[in-house]
Amino acid sequence: MTSQDEPNGFGSVERENAETLIALALSEDLGQRGDLTADATIPPEATGAACFVSRQSGILAGLPVVALIASKFGLDQGFVPKRTDGDRLEPGTIIARVAGPMRAILSMERTALNFLQRLSGIATLTHRFVLAVEGSHAAILDTRKTTPGWRRLEKYAVRCGGGRNHRIGLFDAVLIKDNHLAWLASSGDPIGRAIKSARGLAPSGTTIEVEVDTLSQLDQALACRPDIVLLDNFSFPELSEAVRRRDDLAPGVLLEASGGIDLHSVAEVARSGVDRISVGAITHSAPSLDIGLDEEIAAD
């Protein structure tokens, strides 16, 4: 479980993920020689200040990561957040101010912006999906379709945008998918066998979910009472029928829609009455939010 020592749950696991990625990012950017350009053009004693500024509307995510990056450059005292992750940004919004040695500020700029833009982009796209289903009781969830190594941070960004996290990985929940069932097909009752096996193996309290792609498979799954049934690529009429059958046969089972859902279709999916909508696009296809670092120019 993610600790809640910062807004939206930027806790120890997110911090550990960030530290690992920051080390890799700085290594590839600075190499063994450091910032040749800053060292060549900026006197070592020069100081200054700059502000992270949003260039477009969106939702902020990643400020705790930027604070960690600032600390790597000795800018801890000079880094002052002006907004909080999850805040709405407009063009011109000042997100944070950093002051101190100019060489350090210039050397941290790109790495800090890469994290801030990427995570804010995910939060922004997530928020657009959340707004699209407003008024329904459907929650927007992410998937495991994340950038390798970035999963904890990208799922944090989803929370900043108002979405919820699906399972973190293969270790914390059971999701029986089509390929698992295909391998078990010779048993005659692959869904029942898979759910029974999962209940026998997984630790007590583990969520058990099964993916189905037909209404007949749904009926088989509902008879076994898993925690969640994932409705993969169901049409709108099929989603509504699935909800009706669930309400009649197993009202305690949650229904999750998934498969090719975008901003044009998500509202209609939500109107079917499903409880959850998982969208891989909010992590794997989110465009970065345009954010810049503007140096403060001292008046004469």
Protein backbone atom coordinates (compact mmCIF):
# COMPACT_ATOMS: atom_id res chain seq x y z
CA MET A 1 0.00 0.00 0.00
CA THR A 2 1.27 3.43 -0.87
CA SER A 3 2.00 5.69 2.08
CA GLN A 4 0.27 9.04 2.22
CA ASP A 5 3.07 11.32 3.43
CA GLU A 6 2.61 13.63 0.45
CA PRO A 7 -0.47 14.56 -1.63
CA ASN A 8 -1.87 11.72 -3.78
CA GLY A 9 0.36 9.19 -2.04
CA PHE A 10 3.92 10.04 -3.05
CA GLY A 11 5.41 7.74 -0.45
CA SER A 12 8.47 5.61 0.08
CA VAL A 13 7.92 3.33 -2.93
CA GLU A 14 7.45 6.27 -5.28
CA ARG A 15 10.49 7.99 -3.80
CA GLU A 16 12.60 4.86 -4.28
CA ASN A 17 11.45 4.58 -7.90
CA ALA A 18 12.24 8.26 -8.46
CA GLU A 19 15.73 7.97 -6.94
CA THR A 20 16.56 5.07 -9.25
CA LEU A 21 15.33 6.88 -12.36
CA ILE A 22 17.00 10.15 -11.40
CA ALA A 23 20.35 8.40 -11.03
CA LEU A 24 19.97 6.90 -14.51
CA ALA A 25 18.82 10.19 -16.02
CA LEU A 26 21.69 12.21 -14.57
CA SER A 27 24.20 9.55 -15.60
CA GLU A 28 23.10 9.66 -19.23
CA ASP A 29 22.93 13.48 -19.26
CA LEU A 30 26.10 14.40 -17.37
CA GLY A 31 28.28 11.38 -18.15
CA GLN A 32 31.75 11.55 -16.62
CA ARG A 33 32.44 15.17 -17.54
CA GLY A 34 29.38 17.05 -16.35
CA ASP A 35 27.77 20.03 -18.07
CA LEU A 36 30.40 21.27 -20.51
CA THR A 37 28.27 24.18 -21.74
CA ALA A 38 27.43 25.59 -18.30
CA ASP A 39 31.01 25.17 -17.14
CA ALA A 40 32.28 27.00 -20.23
CA THR A 41 29.84 29.92 -20.16
CA ILE A 42 28.78 30.51 -16.55
CA PRO A 43 31.24 31.71 -13.88
CA PRO A 44 31.34 29.33 -10.90
CA GLU A 45 30.31 32.10 -8.47
CA ALA A 46 27.25 33.18 -10.53
CA THR A 47 23.86 32.85 -8.86
CA GLY A 48 20.33 33.37 -10.09
CA ALA A 49 16.78 32.09 -10.07
CA ALA A 50 14.26 30.57 -12.47
CA CYS A 51 10.63 29.45 -12.42
CA PHE A 52 8.98 26.32 -13.76
CA VAL A 53 6.04 27.65 -15.78
CA SER A 54 3.17 25.85 -17.50
CA ARG A 55 2.77 26.65 -21.17
CA GLN A 56 -0.64 24.97 -21.48
CA SER A 57 -3.62 23.84 -19.42
CA GLY A 58 -3.34 20.59 -17.54
CA ILE A 59 -2.93 18.80 -14.23
CA LEU A 60 0.32 18.94 -12.29
CA ALA A 61 2.26 15.82 -11.30
CA GLY A 62 5.90 15.26 -10.44
CA LEU A 63 6.86 18.11 -8.09
CA PRO A 64 8.30 15.75 -5.43
CA VAL A 65 10.55 14.27 -8.13
CA VAL A 66 11.78 17.72 -9.12
CA ALA A 67 12.53 18.45 -5.46
CA LEU A 68 14.68 15.31 -5.34
CA ILE A 69 16.51 16.38 -8.50
CA ALA A 70 17.12 19.85 -7.03
CA SER A 71 18.67 18.23 -3.97
CA LYS A 72 21.15 16.36 -6.17
CA PHE A 73 22.47 19.74 -7.31
CA GLY A 74 22.61 21.30 -3.84
CA LEU A 75 19.50 23.39 -4.50
CA ASP A 76 17.39 22.08 -1.60
CA GLN A 77 17.03 25.45 0.10
CA GLY A 78 16.43 27.30 -3.13
CA PHE A 79 13.63 25.08 -4.45
CA VAL A 80 10.20 26.46 -3.51
CA PRO A 81 7.01 24.82 -4.87
CA LYS A 82 4.20 27.25 -5.72
CA ARG A 83 1.61 24.59 -6.55
CA THR A 84 0.75 21.05 -5.39
CA ASP A 85 0.52 17.88 -7.46
CA GLY A 86 -3.06 17.43 -8.63
CA ASP A 87 -3.55 21.19 -9.09
CA ARG A 88 -5.06 22.58 -12.25
CA LEU A 89 -2.59 24.50 -14.39
CA GLU A 90 -3.25 27.23 -16.92
CA PRO A 91 -0.82 28.79 -19.39
CA GLY A 92 1.53 30.99 -17.38
CA THR A 93 1.00 29.24 -14.04
CA ILE A 94 4.17 29.35 -11.95
CA ILE A 95 4.71 25.84 -10.61
CA ALA A 96 7.90 26.28 -8.59
CA ARG A 97 10.87 28.62 -8.18
CA VAL A 98 14.49 27.54 -7.86
CA ALA A 99 17.36 29.78 -6.80
CA GLY A 100 21.06 29.22 -6.30
CA PRO A 101 24.20 28.65 -8.37
CA MET A 102 23.35 29.19 -12.04
CA ARG A 103 25.47 26.27 -13.19
CA ALA A 104 23.41 23.94 -11.03
CA ILE A 105 20.09 25.40 -12.19
CA LEU A 106 21.01 25.04 -15.86
CA SER A 107 22.39 21.52 -15.39
CA MET A 108 19.23 20.23 -13.68
CA GLU A 109 16.81 21.90 -16.11
CA ARG A 110 16.26 19.20 -18.73
CA THR A 111 16.14 16.26 -16.34
CA ALA A 112 13.64 18.07 -14.11
CA LEU A 113 11.47 19.06 -17.06
CA ASN A 114 11.50 15.54 -18.51
CA PHE A 115 9.99 14.14 -15.32
CA LEU A 116 7.59 17.03 -14.78
CA GLN A 117 6.31 17.10 -18.35
CA ARG A 118 5.88 13.32 -18.61
CA LEU A 119 4.07 12.86 -15.31
CA SER A 120 1.90 15.96 -15.76
CA GLY A 121 0.95 14.68 -19.21
CA ILE A 122 -0.31 11.43 -17.71
CA ALA A 123 -2.21 13.26 -14.98
CA THR A 124 -3.76 15.57 -17.57
CA LEU A 125 -4.97 12.80 -19.88
CA THR A 126 -6.28 10.81 -16.91
CA HIS A 127 -8.23 13.83 -15.75
CA ARG A 128 -9.84 14.20 -19.17
CA PHE A 129 -11.14 10.61 -18.91
CA VAL A 130 -12.33 11.22 -15.35
CA LEU A 131 -14.26 14.31 -16.46
CA ALA A 132 -15.76 12.37 -19.37
CA VAL A 133 -17.44 9.86 -17.01
CA GLU A 134 -18.50 12.43 -14.42
CA GLY A 135 -22.01 11.71 -13.19
CA SER A 136 -21.66 7.94 -13.53
CA HIS A 137 -20.31 5.66 -10.81
CA ALA A 138 -17.58 4.25 -13.06
CA ALA A 139 -13.97 4.70 -11.95
CA ILE A 140 -11.12 5.23 -14.42
CA LEU A 141 -8.21 2.83 -13.86
CA ASP A 142 -4.78 2.43 -15.38
CA THR A 143 -3.17 -0.83 -16.55
CA ARG A 144 0.28 -2.46 -16.61
CA LYS A 145 0.93 -0.75 -19.96
CA THR A 146 3.53 1.53 -18.42
CA THR A 147 7.04 2.62 -19.38
CA PRO A 148 9.45 -0.06 -18.10
CA GLY A 149 10.92 1.15 -14.81
CA TRP A 150 8.48 4.07 -14.48
CA ARG A 151 5.44 2.17 -13.22
CA ARG A 152 5.26 3.55 -9.68
CA LEU A 153 5.66 7.13 -10.86
CA GLU A 154 3.24 6.78 -13.75
CA LYS A 155 0.62 5.22 -11.50
CA TYR A 156 1.21 8.07 -9.06
CA ALA A 157 0.52 10.50 -11.89
CA VAL A 158 -2.75 8.68 -12.63
CA ARG A 159 -3.83 9.31 -9.04
CA CYS A 160 -2.90 12.98 -9.41
CA GLY A 161 -5.31 13.12 -12.34
CA GLY A 162 -8.16 11.60 -10.33
CA GLY A 163 -7.83 8.06 -11.65
CA ARG A 164 -7.32 4.87 -9.69
CA ASN A 165 -4.64 2.22 -9.89
CA HIS A 166 -5.25 -1.30 -11.15
CA ARG A 167 -2.86 -3.94 -9.84
CA ILE A 168 0.73 -2.77 -9.56
CA GLY A 169 2.17 -5.92 -11.09
CA LEU A 170 1.79 -9.67 -11.34
CA PHE A 171 2.49 -10.02 -7.62
CA ASP A 172 -0.39 -8.20 -5.95
CA ALA A 173 -3.56 -9.47 -7.67
CA VAL A 174 -4.81 -12.31 -9.85
CA LEU A 175 -6.03 -11.44 -13.35
CA ILE A 176 -6.93 -14.55 -15.36
CA LYS A 177 -6.67 -13.56 -19.01
CA ASP A 178 -7.52 -15.18 -22.33
CA ASN A 179 -4.16 -16.90 -22.71
CA HIS A 180 -4.45 -18.51 -19.29
CA LEU A 181 -7.91 -19.78 -20.22
CA ALA A 182 -6.72 -20.96 -23.63
CA TRP A 183 -4.13 -23.19 -22.00
CA LEU A 184 -6.79 -24.60 -19.66
CA ALA A 185 -9.39 -25.03 -22.42
CA SER A 186 -9.03 -28.81 -22.51
CA SER A 187 -10.34 -29.03 -18.94
CA GLY A 188 -13.91 -28.37 -20.10
CA ASP A 189 -14.41 -25.60 -17.53
CA PRO A 190 -11.34 -23.36 -17.81
CA ILE A 191 -12.93 -20.40 -16.00
CA GLY A 192 -14.09 -22.44 -13.04
CA ARG A 193 -10.80 -24.33 -12.83
CA ALA A 194 -8.72 -21.14 -13.01
CA ILE A 195 -10.72 -19.34 -10.32
CA LYS A 196 -10.64 -22.37 -8.03
CA SER A 197 -6.88 -22.71 -8.47
CA ALA A 198 -6.33 -19.01 -7.83
CA ARG A 199 -8.33 -19.13 -4.62
CA GLY A 200 -6.26 -22.07 -3.45
CA LEU A 201 -2.89 -20.48 -4.21
CA ALA A 202 -3.19 -16.72 -3.71
CA PRO A 203 -2.80 -15.22 -0.22
CA SER A 204 -6.03 -14.51 1.64
CA GLY A 205 -7.59 -11.22 0.60
CA THR A 206 -6.02 -11.19 -2.87
CA THR A 207 -8.32 -9.76 -5.53
CA ILE A 208 -9.28 -12.36 -8.14
CA GLU A 209 -10.36 -11.08 -11.54
CA VAL A 210 -11.14 -12.99 -14.72
CA GLU A 211 -11.29 -11.68 -18.27
CA VAL A 212 -14.13 -12.74 -20.57
CA ASP A 213 -14.95 -11.82 -24.15
CA THR A 214 -18.44 -13.27 -24.57
CA LEU A 215 -21.66 -13.17 -22.60
CA SER A 216 -21.62 -16.96 -22.23
CA GLN A 217 -18.19 -16.72 -20.60
CA LEU A 218 -19.59 -14.01 -18.36
CA ASP A 219 -22.30 -16.38 -17.13
CA GLN A 220 -19.66 -19.00 -16.31
CA ALA A 221 -17.58 -16.44 -14.47
CA LEU A 222 -20.50 -15.03 -12.47
CA ALA A 223 -21.38 -18.54 -11.29
CA CYS A 224 -17.91 -18.72 -9.69
CA ARG A 225 -18.23 -15.34 -7.93
CA PRO A 226 -14.78 -13.79 -8.59
CA ASP A 227 -14.20 -10.31 -7.20
CA ILE A 228 -14.17 -8.72 -10.66
CA VAL A 229 -15.03 -9.73 -14.20
CA LEU A 230 -13.22 -7.87 -16.97
CA LEU A 231 -15.37 -7.42 -20.08
CA ASP A 232 -12.89 -7.32 -22.94
CA ASN A 233 -13.93 -5.48 -26.11
CA PHE A 234 -17.67 -5.79 -25.44
CA SER A 235 -19.99 -3.70 -27.59
CA PHE A 236 -22.19 -1.08 -25.91
CA PRO A 237 -25.30 -3.31 -26.00
CA GLU A 238 -23.25 -6.23 -24.64
CA LEU A 239 -21.97 -4.10 -21.77
CA SER A 240 -25.52 -3.16 -20.78
CA GLU A 241 -26.60 -6.80 -20.99
CA ALA A 242 -23.60 -7.82 -18.92
CA VAL A 243 -24.60 -5.37 -16.20
CA ARG A 244 -28.18 -6.71 -16.25
CA ARG A 245 -26.98 -10.31 -15.88
CA ARG A 246 -24.57 -9.37 -13.12
CA ASP A 247 -27.32 -7.57 -11.21
CA ASP A 248 -29.55 -10.64 -11.49
CA LEU A 249 -27.00 -13.39 -10.85
CA ALA A 250 -24.16 -11.97 -8.76
CA PRO A 251 -24.71 -8.38 -7.64
CA GLY A 252 -21.57 -8.43 -5.48
CA VAL A 253 -19.24 -8.93 -8.46
CA LEU A 254 -17.69 -5.81 -9.97
CA LEU A 255 -17.65 -5.37 -13.74
CA GLU A 256 -14.73 -3.75 -15.54
CA ALA A 257 -14.79 -2.65 -19.18
CA SER A 258 -11.60 -2.61 -21.20
CA GLY A 259 -10.31 -2.73 -24.76
CA GLY A 260 -9.88 0.18 -27.17
CA ILE A 261 -11.75 2.69 -25.00
CA ASP A 262 -10.95 6.31 -25.83
CA LEU A 263 -12.25 9.78 -24.97
CA HIS A 264 -14.94 9.48 -27.66
CA SER A 265 -16.39 6.23 -26.29
CA VAL A 266 -15.70 6.27 -22.55
CA ALA A 267 -18.88 8.18 -21.58
CA GLU A 268 -21.12 5.65 -23.33
CA VAL A 269 -19.19 2.80 -21.71
CA ALA A 270 -19.79 4.40 -18.32
CA ARG A 271 -23.53 4.77 -19.03
CA SER A 272 -23.80 0.99 -19.34
CA GLY A 273 -23.46 0.74 -15.57
CA VAL A 274 -20.04 -0.91 -15.30
CA ASP A 275 -18.09 -0.18 -12.14
CA ARG A 276 -14.62 0.21 -13.58
CA ILE A 277 -13.09 1.25 -16.90
CA SER A 278 -9.43 0.43 -17.47
CA VAL A 279 -7.60 2.51 -20.07
CA GLY A 280 -4.05 1.69 -21.13
CA ALA A 281 -3.80 4.92 -23.12
CA ILE A 282 -3.57 7.13 -20.02
CA THR A 283 -0.05 5.84 -19.44
CA HIS A 284 1.20 4.50 -22.76
CA SER A 285 -0.12 7.29 -25.01
CA ALA A 286 -0.20 10.42 -22.87
CA PRO A 287 1.53 13.41 -24.52
CA SER A 288 3.90 15.38 -22.32
CA LEU A 289 2.53 18.62 -20.91
CA ASP A 290 4.37 21.70 -22.15
CA ILE A 291 6.27 23.16 -19.19
CA GLY A 292 9.33 25.42 -19.32
CA LEU A 293 11.98 26.83 -17.01
CA ASP A 294 12.19 30.62 -17.33
CA GLU A 295 15.18 32.42 -15.87
CA GLU A 296 14.47 35.49 -13.82
CA ILE A 297 16.28 38.46 -15.34
CA ALA A 298 17.50 40.93 -12.74
CA ALA A 299 16.58 44.55 -13.37
CA ASP A 300 19.40 47.04 -13.88
